């Protein structure tokens, strides 16, 4: 019997993809947001494709704020963008 592959939905494009193909955005207990490339950081998480366009779409529709239940400041948006661009 094949092993089950965990699937998650991207906040930007709303497509279901294998968890390992997505980047996790984490809200820590202190309320700070960061990108979690390993998927192991503690806190509430939401998933995005490894694409800046998906990040832009998710921020424009406020999907990140709804999923993580925290307002997203311009400084955090710049940090997330730069971290994601460094990955590509």
PDB file of N, CA and C in Angstrom:
ATOM      1  N   UNK A   1       0.844  -1.183   0.000  1.00  0.00           N
ATOM      2  CA  UNK A   1       0.000   0.000   0.000  1.00  0.00           C
ATOM      3  C   UNK A   1       0.891   1.249   0.000  1.00  0.00           C
ATOM      4  N   UNK A   2       0.679   2.177  -0.959  1.00  0.00           N
ATOM      5  CA  UNK A   2       1.520   3.372  -1.032  1.00  0.00           C
ATOM      6  C   UNK A   2       1.285   4.303   0.156  1.00  0.00           C
ATOM      7  N   UNK A   3       2.359   5.005   0.529  1.00  0.00           N
ATOM      8  CA  UNK A   3       2.283   5.931   1.650  1.00  0.00           C
ATOM      9  C   UNK A   3       1.445   7.154   1.262  1.00  0.00           C
ATOM     10  N   UNK A   4       0.606   7.611   2.189  1.00  0.00           N
ATOM     11  CA  UNK A   4      -0.255   8.766   1.932  1.00  0.00           C
ATOM     12  C   UNK A   4       0.580  10.043   1.914  1.00  0.00           C
ATOM     13  N   UNK A   5       0.353  10.894   0.915  1.00  0.00           N
ATOM     14  CA  UNK A   5       1.076  12.161   0.786  1.00  0.00           C
ATOM     15  C   UNK A   5       0.188  13.272   1.350  1.00  0.00           C
ATOM     16  N   UNK A   6       0.665  14.002   2.385  1.00  0.00           N
ATOM     17  CA  UNK A   6      -0.153  15.083   2.935  1.00  0.00           C
ATOM     18  C   UNK A   6      -0.294  16.228   1.926  1.00  0.00           C
ATOM     19  N   UNK A   7      -1.516  16.694   1.760  1.00  0.00           N
ATOM     20  CA  UNK A   7      -1.811  17.780   0.814  1.00  0.00           C
ATOM     21  C   UNK A   7      -2.213  19.030   1.592  1.00  0.00           C
ATOM     22  N   UNK A   8      -1.808  20.204   1.079  1.00  0.00           N
ATOM     23  CA  UNK A   8      -2.182  21.483   1.670  1.00  0.00           C
ATOM     24  C   UNK A   8      -2.599  22.425   0.550  1.00  0.00           C
ATOM     25  N   UNK A   9      -3.394  23.435   0.898  1.00  0.00           N
ATOM     26  CA  UNK A   9      -3.887  24.393  -0.087  1.00  0.00           C
ATOM     27  C   UNK A   9      -3.071  25.675  -0.020  1.00  0.00           C
ATOM     28  N   UNK A  10      -2.623  26.149  -1.173  1.00  0.00           N
ATOM     29  CA  UNK A  10      -1.887  27.405  -1.267  1.00  0.00           C
ATOM     30  C   UNK A  10      -2.864  28.562  -1.048  1.00  0.00           C
ATOM     31  N   UNK A  11      -2.460  29.545  -0.228  1.00  0.00           N
ATOM     32  CA  UNK A  11      -3.319  30.705   0.036  1.00  0.00           C
ATOM     33  C   UNK A  11      -3.469  31.600  -1.187  1.00  0.00           C
ATOM     34  N   UNK A  12      -2.478  31.583  -2.083  1.00  0.00           N
ATOM     35  CA  UNK A  12      -2.512  32.460  -3.251  1.00  0.00           C
ATOM     36  C   UNK A  12      -3.331  31.906  -4.390  1.00  0.00           C
ATOM     37  N   UNK A  13      -2.940  30.739  -4.904  1.00  0.00           N
ATOM     38  CA  UNK A  13      -3.617  30.172  -6.078  1.00  0.00           C
ATOM     39  C   UNK A  13      -4.746  29.217  -5.709  1.00  0.00           C
ATOM     40  N   UNK A  14      -4.863  28.866  -4.416  1.00  0.00           N
ATOM     41  CA  UNK A  14      -5.928  28.007  -3.891  1.00  0.00           C
ATOM     42  C   UNK A  14      -5.869  26.580  -4.447  1.00  0.00           C
ATOM     43  N   UNK A  15      -4.703  26.142  -4.948  1.00  0.00           N
ATOM     44  CA  UNK A  15      -4.536  24.781  -5.455  1.00  0.00           C
ATOM     45  C   UNK A  15      -4.041  23.860  -4.344  1.00  0.00           C
ATOM     46  N   UNK A  16      -4.512  22.623  -4.359  1.00  0.00           N
ATOM     47  CA  UNK A  16      -4.023  21.604  -3.430  1.00  0.00           C
ATOM     48  C   UNK A  16      -2.739  21.020  -4.000  1.00  0.00           C
ATOM     49  N   UNK A  17      -1.689  21.022  -3.176  1.00  0.00           N
ATOM     50  CA  UNK A  17      -0.396  20.498  -3.605  1.00  0.00           C
ATOM     51  C   UNK A  17       0.213  19.702  -2.458  1.00  0.00           C
ATOM     52  N   UNK A  18       1.169  18.824  -2.769  1.00  0.00           N
ATOM     53  CA  UNK A  18       1.849  18.108  -1.689  1.00  0.00           C
ATOM     54  C   UNK A  18       2.535  19.085  -0.736  1.00  0.00           C
ATOM     55  N   UNK A  19       2.464  18.791   0.535  1.00  0.00           N
ATOM     56  CA  UNK A  19       2.988  19.668   1.579  1.00  0.00           C
ATOM     57  C   UNK A  19       4.461  20.032   1.354  1.00  0.00           C
ATOM     58  N   UNK A  20       5.258  19.095   0.863  1.00  0.00           N
ATOM     59  CA  UNK A  20       6.692  19.334   0.670  1.00  0.00           C
ATOM     60  C   UNK A  20       6.977  20.344  -0.434  1.00  0.00           C
ATOM     61  N   UNK A  21       6.027  20.586  -1.342  1.00  0.00           N
ATOM     62  CA  UNK A  21       6.236  21.548  -2.423  1.00  0.00           C
ATOM     63  C   UNK A  21       5.903  22.977  -2.000  1.00  0.00           C
ATOM     64  N   UNK A  22       5.328  23.154  -0.823  1.00  0.00           N
ATOM     65  CA  UNK A  22       4.873  24.469  -0.381  1.00  0.00           C
ATOM     66  C   UNK A  22       5.764  25.029   0.716  1.00  0.00           C
ATOM     67  N   UNK A  23       5.720  26.354   0.870  1.00  0.00           N
ATOM     68  CA  UNK A  23       6.420  27.040   1.954  1.00  0.00           C
ATOM     69  C   UNK A  23       5.388  27.395   3.014  1.00  0.00           C
ATOM     70  N   UNK A  24       5.754  27.174   4.262  1.00  0.00           N
ATOM     71  CA  UNK A  24       4.846  27.441   5.378  1.00  0.00           C
ATOM     72  C   UNK A  24       5.153  28.815   5.968  1.00  0.00           C
ATOM     73  N   UNK A  25       4.120  29.625   6.160  1.00  0.00           N
ATOM     74  CA  UNK A  25       4.239  30.879   6.890  1.00  0.00           C
ATOM     75  C   UNK A  25       3.757  30.585   8.300  1.00  0.00           C
ATOM     76  N   UNK A  26       4.556  30.964   9.293  1.00  0.00           N
ATOM     77  CA  UNK A  26       4.260  30.618  10.681  1.00  0.00           C
ATOM     78  C   UNK A  26       4.043  31.873  11.512  1.00  0.00           C
ATOM     79  N   UNK A  27       2.992  31.835  12.341  1.00  0.00           N
ATOM     80  CA  UNK A  27       2.808  32.861  13.370  1.00  0.00           C
ATOM     81  C   UNK A  27       3.225  32.233  14.691  1.00  0.00           C
ATOM     82  N   UNK A  28       4.246  32.820  15.308  1.00  0.00           N
ATOM     83  CA  UNK A  28       4.733  32.278  16.583  1.00  0.00           C
ATOM     84  C   UNK A  28       3.803  32.708  17.706  1.00  0.00           C
ATOM     85  N   UNK A  29       4.065  32.225  18.895  1.00  0.00           N
ATOM     86  CA  UNK A  29       3.257  32.578  20.064  1.00  0.00           C
ATOM     87  C   UNK A  29       3.348  34.067  20.368  1.00  0.00           C
ATOM     88  N   UNK A  30       4.478  34.701  20.002  1.00  0.00           N
ATOM     89  CA  UNK A  30       4.645  36.139  20.220  1.00  0.00           C
ATOM     90  C   UNK A  30       3.917  36.970  19.164  1.00  0.00           C
ATOM     91  N   UNK A  31       3.455  36.343  18.090  1.00  0.00           N
ATOM     92  CA  UNK A  31       2.729  37.047  17.037  1.00  0.00           C
ATOM     93  C   UNK A  31       3.590  37.445  15.856  1.00  0.00           C
ATOM     94  N   UNK A  32       4.852  37.006  15.801  1.00  0.00           N
ATOM     95  CA  UNK A  32       5.719  37.338  14.676  1.00  0.00           C
ATOM     96  C   UNK A  32       5.523  36.327  13.555  1.00  0.00           C
ATOM     97  N   UNK A  33       5.644  36.805  12.315  1.00  0.00           N
ATOM     98  CA  UNK A  33       5.499  35.945  11.142  1.00  0.00           C
ATOM     99  C   UNK A  33       6.868  35.646  10.557  1.00  0.00           C
ATOM    100  N   UNK A  34       7.040  34.427  10.077  1.00  0.00           N
ATOM    101  CA  UNK A  34       8.279  34.052   9.398  1.00  0.00           C
ATOM    102  C   UNK A  34       7.988  32.903   8.442  1.00  0.00           C
ATOM    103  N   UNK A  35       8.914  32.698   7.509  1.00  0.00           N
ATOM    104  CA  UNK A  35       8.795  31.580   6.585  1.00  0.00           C
ATOM    105  C   UNK A  35       9.483  30.367   7.191  1.00  0.00           C
ATOM    106  N   UNK A  36       8.842  29.229   7.075  1.00  0.00           N
ATOM    107  CA  UNK A  36       9.350  27.976   7.623  1.00  0.00           C
ATOM    108  C   UNK A  36       9.562  27.017   6.456  1.00  0.00           C
ATOM    109  N   UNK A  37      10.823  26.848   6.046  1.00  0.00           N
ATOM    110  CA  UNK A  37      11.117  26.024   4.884  1.00  0.00           C
ATOM    111  C   UNK A  37      11.138  24.535   5.217  1.00  0.00           C
ATOM    112  N   UNK A  38      11.362  24.187   6.470  1.00  0.00           N
ATOM    113  CA  UNK A  38      11.401  22.784   6.886  1.00  0.00           C
ATOM    114  C   UNK A  38      10.032  22.279   7.347  1.00  0.00           C
ATOM    115  N   UNK A  39       9.111  23.191   7.709  1.00  0.00           N
ATOM    116  CA  UNK A  39       7.797  22.782   8.184  1.00  0.00           C
ATOM    117  C   UNK A  39       7.791  22.292   9.615  1.00  0.00           C
ATOM    118  N   UNK A  40       8.784  22.681  10.403  1.00  0.00           N
ATOM    119  CA  UNK A  40       8.921  22.162  11.764  1.00  0.00           C
ATOM    120  C   UNK A  40       8.734  23.210  12.864  1.00  0.00           C
ATOM    121  N   UNK A  41       8.714  24.503  12.516  1.00  0.00           N
ATOM    122  CA  UNK A  41       8.611  25.536  13.544  1.00  0.00           C
ATOM    123  C   UNK A  41       7.270  25.460  14.266  1.00  0.00           C
ATOM    124  N   UNK A  42       7.269  25.729  15.571  1.00  0.00           N
ATOM    125  CA  UNK A  42       6.007  25.715  16.310  1.00  0.00           C
ATOM    126  C   UNK A  42       5.190  26.971  16.007  1.00  0.00           C
ATOM    127  N   UNK A  43       3.889  26.826  16.025  1.00  0.00           N
ATOM    128  CA  UNK A  43       2.995  27.960  15.802  1.00  0.00           C
ATOM    129  C   UNK A  43       1.959  27.644  14.746  1.00  0.00           C
ATOM    130  N   UNK A  44       1.063  28.594  14.537  1.00  0.00           N
ATOM    131  CA  UNK A  44       0.006  28.443  13.539  1.00  0.00           C
ATOM    132  C   UNK A  44       0.593  28.648  12.152  1.00  0.00           C
ATOM    133  N   UNK A  45       0.251  27.786  11.230  1.00  0.00           N
ATOM    134  CA  UNK A  45       0.848  27.845   9.900  1.00  0.00           C
ATOM    135  C   UNK A  45      -0.161  27.943   8.777  1.00  0.00           C
ATOM    136  N   UNK A  46       0.306  28.516   7.668  1.00  0.00           N
ATOM    137  CA  UNK A  46      -0.447  28.584   6.423  1.00  0.00           C
ATOM    138  C   UNK A  46       0.554  28.337   5.303  1.00  0.00           C
ATOM    139  N   UNK A  47       0.093  27.900   4.158  1.00  0.00           N
ATOM    140  CA  UNK A  47       0.991  27.448   3.101  1.00  0.00           C
ATOM    141  C   UNK A  47       0.869  28.286   1.840  1.00  0.00           C
ATOM    142  N   UNK A  48       2.017  28.454   1.155  1.00  0.00           N
ATOM    143  CA  UNK A  48       2.104  29.173  -0.115  1.00  0.00           C
ATOM    144  C   UNK A  48       3.002  28.400  -1.075  1.00  0.00           C
ATOM    145  N   UNK A  49       2.720  28.549  -2.385  1.00  0.00           N
ATOM    146  CA  UNK A  49       3.625  28.017  -3.394  1.00  0.00           C
ATOM    147  C   UNK A  49       4.943  28.777  -3.308  1.00  0.00           C
ATOM    148  N   UNK A  50       5.987  28.226  -3.884  1.00  0.00           N
ATOM    149  CA  UNK A  50       7.302  28.888  -3.901  1.00  0.00           C
ATOM    150  C   UNK A  50       7.332  29.937  -5.010  1.00  0.00           C
ATOM    151  N   UNK A  51       6.359  30.829  -5.021  1.00  0.00           N
ATOM    152  CA  UNK A  51       6.188  31.804  -6.087  1.00  0.00           C
ATOM    153  C   UNK A  51       5.779  33.137  -5.467  1.00  0.00           C
ATOM    154  N   UNK A  52       6.470  34.203  -5.851  1.00  0.00           N
ATOM    155  CA  UNK A  52       6.171  35.527  -5.304  1.00  0.00           C
ATOM    156  C   UNK A  52       4.763  35.967  -5.711  1.00  0.00           C
ATOM    157  N   UNK A  53       4.293  35.536  -6.885  1.00  0.00           N
ATOM    158  CA  UNK A  53       2.947  35.911  -7.335  1.00  0.00           C
ATOM    159  C   UNK A  53       1.874  35.352  -6.401  1.00  0.00           C
ATOM    160  N   UNK A  54       2.072  34.146  -5.895  1.00  0.00           N
ATOM    161  CA  UNK A  54       1.111  33.571  -4.949  1.00  0.00           C
ATOM    162  C   UNK A  54       1.125  34.368  -3.645  1.00  0.00           C
ATOM    163  N   UNK A  55       2.294  34.796  -3.214  1.00  0.00           N
ATOM    164  CA  UNK A  55       2.392  35.627  -2.019  1.00  0.00           C
ATOM    165  C   UNK A  55       1.643  36.936  -2.227  1.00  0.00           C
ATOM    166  N   UNK A  56       1.834  37.557  -3.393  1.00  0.00           N
ATOM    167  CA  UNK A  56       1.157  38.829  -3.704  1.00  0.00           C
ATOM    168  C   UNK A  56      -0.363  38.644  -3.691  1.00  0.00           C
ATOM    169  N   UNK A  57      -0.835  37.566  -4.327  1.00  0.00           N
ATOM    170  CA  UNK A  57      -2.278  37.307  -4.363  1.00  0.00           C
ATOM    171  C   UNK A  57      -2.848  37.089  -2.972  1.00  0.00           C
ATOM    172  N   UNK A  58      -2.122  36.330  -2.150  1.00  0.00           N
ATOM    173  CA  UNK A  58      -2.581  36.046  -0.793  1.00  0.00           C
ATOM    174  C   UNK A  58      -2.611  37.309   0.059  1.00  0.00           C
ATOM    175  N   UNK A  59      -1.636  38.195  -0.121  1.00  0.00           N
ATOM    176  CA  UNK A  59      -1.614  39.444   0.637  1.00  0.00           C
ATOM    177  C   UNK A  59      -2.709  40.398   0.164  1.00  0.00           C
ATOM    178  N   UNK A  60      -2.935  40.450  -1.158  1.00  0.00           N
ATOM    179  CA  UNK A  60      -3.954  41.345  -1.703  1.00  0.00           C
ATOM    180  C   UNK A  60      -5.355  40.954  -1.232  1.00  0.00           C
ATOM    181  N   UNK A  61      -5.619  39.661  -1.163  1.00  0.00           N
ATOM    182  CA  UNK A  61      -6.946  39.200  -0.742  1.00  0.00           C
ATOM    183  C   UNK A  61      -7.058  39.061   0.783  1.00  0.00           C
ATOM    184  N   UNK A  62      -5.971  39.407   1.486  1.00  0.00           N
ATOM    185  CA  UNK A  62      -5.909  39.326   2.948  1.00  0.00           C
ATOM    186  C   UNK A  62      -6.072  37.891   3.460  1.00  0.00           C
ATOM    187  N   UNK A  63      -5.731  36.919   2.617  1.00  0.00           N
ATOM    188  CA  UNK A  63      -5.830  35.510   3.005  1.00  0.00           C
ATOM    189  C   UNK A  63      -4.830  35.172   4.112  1.00  0.00           C
ATOM    190  N   UNK A  64      -3.666  35.806   4.093  1.00  0.00           N
ATOM    191  CA  UNK A  64      -2.654  35.542   5.120  1.00  0.00           C
ATOM    192  C   UNK A  64      -3.166  36.025   6.477  1.00  0.00           C
ATOM    193  N   UNK A  65      -3.752  37.223   6.500  1.00  0.00           N
ATOM    194  CA  UNK A  65      -4.280  37.772   7.754  1.00  0.00           C
ATOM    195  C   UNK A  65      -5.390  36.894   8.319  1.00  0.00           C
ATOM    196  N   UNK A  66      -6.265  36.402   7.451  1.00  0.00           N
ATOM    197  CA  UNK A  66      -7.369  35.546   7.920  1.00  0.00           C
ATOM    198  C   UNK A  66      -6.856  34.202   8.427  1.00  0.00           C
ATOM    199  N   UNK A  67      -5.923  33.615   7.698  1.00  0.00           N
ATOM    200  CA  UNK A  67      -5.435  32.286   8.068  1.00  0.00           C
ATOM    201  C   UNK A  67      -4.623  32.312   9.359  1.00  0.00           C
ATOM    202  N   UNK A  68      -3.830  33.347   9.546  1.00  0.00           N
ATOM    203  CA  UNK A  68      -2.949  33.401  10.709  1.00  0.00           C
ATOM    204  C   UNK A  68      -3.516  34.257  11.840  1.00  0.00           C
ATOM    205  N   UNK A  69      -4.648  34.866  11.600  1.00  0.00           N
ATOM    206  CA  UNK A  69      -5.364  35.646  12.616  1.00  0.00           C
ATOM    207  C   UNK A  69      -4.491  36.744  13.228  1.00  0.00           C
ATOM    208  N   UNK A  70      -3.731  37.438  12.366  1.00  0.00           N
ATOM    209  CA  UNK A  70      -2.880  38.525  12.831  1.00  0.00           C
ATOM    210  C   UNK A  70      -2.750  39.546  11.688  1.00  0.00           C
ATOM    211  N   UNK A  71      -2.758  40.869  11.994  1.00  0.00           N
ATOM    212  CA  UNK A  71      -2.553  41.855  10.931  1.00  0.00           C
ATOM    213  C   UNK A  71      -1.119  41.774  10.391  1.00  0.00           C
ATOM    214  N   UNK A  72      -0.973  41.998   9.089  1.00  0.00           N
ATOM    215  CA  UNK A  72       0.332  41.907   8.440  1.00  0.00           C
ATOM    216  C   UNK A  72       0.802  43.321   8.108  1.00  0.00           C
ATOM    217  N   UNK A  73       1.929  43.729   8.701  1.00  0.00           N
ATOM    218  CA  UNK A  73       2.456  45.076   8.467  1.00  0.00           C
ATOM    219  C   UNK A  73       3.292  45.108   7.191  1.00  0.00           C
ATOM    220  N   UNK A  74       3.570  46.334   6.707  1.00  0.00           N
ATOM    221  CA  UNK A  74       4.388  46.496   5.499  1.00  0.00           C
ATOM    222  C   UNK A  74       5.791  45.938   5.701  1.00  0.00           C
ATOM    223  N   UNK A  75       6.329  46.079   6.893  1.00  0.00           N
ATOM    224  CA  UNK A  75       7.668  45.567   7.190  1.00  0.00           C
ATOM    225  C   UNK A  75       7.700  44.049   7.063  1.00  0.00           C
ATOM    226  N   UNK A  76       6.678  43.390   7.579  1.00  0.00           N
ATOM    227  CA  UNK A  76       6.595  41.923   7.495  1.00  0.00           C
ATOM    228  C   UNK A  76       6.448  41.501   6.036  1.00  0.00           C
ATOM    229  N   UNK A  77       5.656  42.236   5.270  1.00  0.00           N
ATOM    230  CA  UNK A  77       5.466  41.920   3.849  1.00  0.00           C
ATOM    231  C   UNK A  77       6.804  42.001   3.114  1.00  0.00           C
ATOM    232  N   UNK A  78       7.587  43.049   3.385  1.00  0.00           N
ATOM    233  CA  UNK A  78       8.910  43.188   2.748  1.00  0.00           C
ATOM    234  C   UNK A  78       9.821  42.022   3.139  1.00  0.00           C
ATOM    235  N   UNK A  79       9.802  41.657   4.412  1.00  0.00           N
ATOM    236  CA  UNK A  79      10.636  40.538   4.868  1.00  0.00           C
ATOM    237  C   UNK A  79      10.240  39.234   4.181  1.00  0.00           C
ATOM    238  N   UNK A  80       8.938  38.962   4.111  1.00  0.00           N
ATOM    239  CA  UNK A  80       8.466  37.729   3.470  1.00  0.00           C
ATOM    240  C   UNK A  80       8.854  37.707   1.991  1.00  0.00           C
ATOM    241  N   UNK A  81       8.691  38.863   1.309  1.00  0.00           N
ATOM    242  CA  UNK A  81       9.054  38.952  -0.107  1.00  0.00           C
ATOM    243  C   UNK A  81      10.543  38.660  -0.306  1.00  0.00           C
ATOM    244  N   UNK A  82      11.387  39.306   0.514  1.00  0.00           N
ATOM    245  CA  UNK A  82      12.834  39.121   0.337  1.00  0.00           C
ATOM    246  C   UNK A  82      13.236  37.679   0.646  1.00  0.00           C
ATOM    247  N   UNK A  83      12.651  37.071   1.678  1.00  0.00           N
ATOM    248  CA  UNK A  83      12.959  35.670   1.997  1.00  0.00           C
ATOM    249  C   UNK A  83      12.547  34.749   0.856  1.00  0.00           C
ATOM    250  N   UNK A  84      11.386  35.026   0.257  1.00  0.00           N
ATOM    251  CA  UNK A  84      10.893  34.166  -0.818  1.00  0.00           C
ATOM    252  C   UNK A  84      11.729  34.346  -2.088  1.00  0.00           C
ATOM    253  N   UNK A  85      12.153  35.591  -2.354  1.00  0.00           N
ATOM    254  CA  UNK A  85      12.985  35.832  -3.539  1.00  0.00           C
ATOM    255  C   UNK A  85      14.355  35.185  -3.391  1.00  0.00           C
ATOM    256  N   UNK A  86      14.865  35.099  -2.153  1.00  0.00           N
ATOM    257  CA  UNK A  86      16.158  34.452  -1.923  1.00  0.00           C
ATOM    258  C   UNK A  86      16.088  32.954  -2.152  1.00  0.00           C
ATOM    259  N   UNK A  87      14.912  32.365  -2.007  1.00  0.00           N
ATOM    260  CA  UNK A  87      14.736  30.932  -2.222  1.00  0.00           C
ATOM    261  C   UNK A  87      14.819  30.603  -3.714  1.00  0.00           C
ATOM    262  N   UNK A  88      14.222  31.446  -4.542  1.00  0.00           N
ATOM    263  CA  UNK A  88      14.150  31.163  -5.981  1.00  0.00           C
ATOM    264  C   UNK A  88      15.445  31.328  -6.668  1.00  0.00           C
TER     265      UNK A  88
END
